[in-house]
Amino acid sequence: MEAEERPVRLDATVSGRVQGVGFRYFVLREAMVLGLQGWVANTADGSVRCVAEGPRGELEMLLHRLREGPPSAIVAHVSEAWMPATGTLGPFGIRSGAHRGD
C-alpha cells in the first residue's frame, strides 16, 4: 500500500466559541461524508476534540472544515497532531464530554 493511501490518525482540538453551536454534529456530518472513523467530543475547557482515522487526503479535508466550523461557531485555534492509525476507532460518532480518549 502506498504511503498516501495508508490510513493515518488526526487528533485535533478546536478552541473558540465551539460548544453550544452544533459543532459536534457539524463534525459528525463532515466525517461521515468523508468516510472516516473516530469520534468528536466537548471538553471541560470549552473546546471540542476530534480524533479521526482514514486516508490523509480526507483527514486534511476534515481539518479544513474544522478550521471553518459551522456558521454559528467562532473558531479561534485548531491544534493538530498526526500519528499512525490504530484501526480501533470504529464508525464515527459523538462521545460525551467526560470522554478522555480511546
Protein backbone atom coordinates (compact mmCIF):
# COMPACT_ATOMS: atom_id res chain seq x y z
CA MET A 1 0.00 0.00 0.00
CA GLU A 2 1.36 3.42 -0.96
CA ALA A 3 2.17 5.83 1.89
CA GLU A 4 -0.50 8.27 0.65
CA GLU A 5 -3.18 5.57 0.86
CA ARG A 6 -2.19 4.19 4.25
CA PRO A 7 -4.65 5.32 6.96
CA VAL A 8 -3.37 7.84 9.49
CA ARG A 9 -4.81 9.41 12.64
CA LEU A 10 -5.63 13.08 13.21
CA ASP A 11 -6.10 14.29 16.77
CA ALA A 12 -7.41 17.87 16.63
CA THR A 13 -8.63 20.26 19.32
CA VAL A 14 -10.71 23.26 18.29
CA SER A 15 -10.98 26.29 20.58
CA GLY A 16 -13.15 29.39 20.40
CA ARG A 17 -16.94 29.57 20.55
CA VAL A 18 -17.40 25.92 19.65
CA GLN A 19 -19.73 24.48 22.30
CA GLY A 20 -23.48 25.01 22.20
CA VAL A 21 -23.39 25.89 18.49
CA GLY A 22 -23.82 22.45 16.87
CA PHE A 23 -20.10 21.95 16.29
CA ARG A 24 -20.04 18.25 17.16
CA TYR A 25 -22.94 17.49 14.81
CA PHE A 26 -21.22 19.52 12.09
CA VAL A 27 -18.06 17.40 12.56
CA LEU A 28 -20.10 14.19 12.61
CA ARG A 29 -21.72 15.02 9.25
CA GLU A 30 -18.42 16.05 7.66
CA ALA A 31 -16.58 12.94 8.88
CA MET A 32 -19.36 10.61 7.72
CA VAL A 33 -19.38 12.18 4.24
CA LEU A 34 -15.61 11.65 4.08
CA GLY A 35 -15.93 8.03 5.24
CA LEU A 36 -13.76 8.49 8.32
CA GLN A 37 -13.71 6.56 11.58
CA GLY A 38 -13.39 8.17 15.01
CA TRP A 39 -15.20 10.49 17.38
CA VAL A 40 -15.81 14.08 18.44
CA ALA A 41 -16.47 15.32 21.99
CA ASN A 42 -16.78 18.51 24.04
CA THR A 43 -14.01 19.02 26.59
CA ALA A 44 -14.18 20.53 30.06
CA ASP A 45 -12.21 23.62 28.99
CA GLY A 46 -14.81 24.61 26.37
CA SER A 47 -13.01 23.24 23.32
CA VAL A 48 -14.01 20.38 21.02
CA ARG A 49 -11.70 17.42 20.43
CA CYS A 50 -11.85 15.27 17.31
CA VAL A 51 -9.94 12.03 16.73
CA ALA A 52 -10.31 10.58 13.25
CA GLU A 53 -8.64 7.94 11.09
CA GLY A 54 -8.62 7.46 7.36
CA PRO A 55 -6.67 8.46 4.27
CA ARG A 56 -4.52 11.58 4.75
CA GLY A 57 -6.34 13.48 1.99
CA GLU A 58 -9.76 13.04 3.61
CA LEU A 59 -8.36 13.98 7.01
CA GLU A 60 -6.87 17.15 5.51
CA MET A 61 -10.36 17.99 4.19
CA LEU A 62 -11.82 17.41 7.66
CA LEU A 63 -9.13 19.62 9.20
CA HIS A 64 -10.03 22.38 6.74
CA ARG A 65 -13.69 22.09 7.75
CA LEU A 66 -12.73 22.16 11.47
CA ARG A 67 -10.96 25.48 10.85
CA GLU A 68 -14.13 26.88 9.26
CA GLY A 69 -16.72 25.38 11.61
CA PRO A 70 -20.48 25.76 11.27
CA PRO A 71 -21.92 29.26 10.71
CA SER A 72 -22.73 29.81 14.41
CA ALA A 73 -19.22 28.95 15.64
CA ILE A 74 -16.19 31.18 16.02
CA VAL A 75 -13.03 29.11 15.61
CA ALA A 76 -10.08 30.77 17.33
CA HIS A 77 -7.49 28.00 17.03
CA VAL A 78 -7.10 24.40 15.88
CA SER A 79 -4.25 22.30 17.23
CA GLU A 80 -3.43 19.16 15.29
CA ALA A 81 -1.34 16.06 15.84
CA TRP A 82 -0.72 13.36 13.25
CA MET A 83 0.16 9.77 14.06
CA PRO A 84 -0.20 6.26 12.65
CA ALA A 85 -3.71 4.84 12.57
CA THR A 86 -4.57 2.11 15.07
CA GLY A 87 -7.68 0.82 13.32
CA THR A 88 -9.56 0.68 16.64
CA LEU A 89 -11.92 3.67 16.40
CA GLY A 90 -14.96 2.23 14.62
CA PRO A 91 -17.77 4.23 13.00
CA PHE A 92 -17.57 7.99 13.55
CA GLY A 93 -19.70 9.19 16.46
CA ILE A 94 -20.24 11.76 19.15
CA ARG A 95 -18.87 10.95 22.61
CA SER A 96 -19.76 12.51 25.94
CA GLY A 97 -17.84 15.44 27.34
CA ALA A 98 -16.46 13.16 30.06
CA HIS A 99 -14.66 11.03 27.45
CA ARG A 100 -10.89 11.00 27.93
CA GLY A 101 -9.76 9.32 24.71
CA ASP A 102 -9.65 5.81 23.35
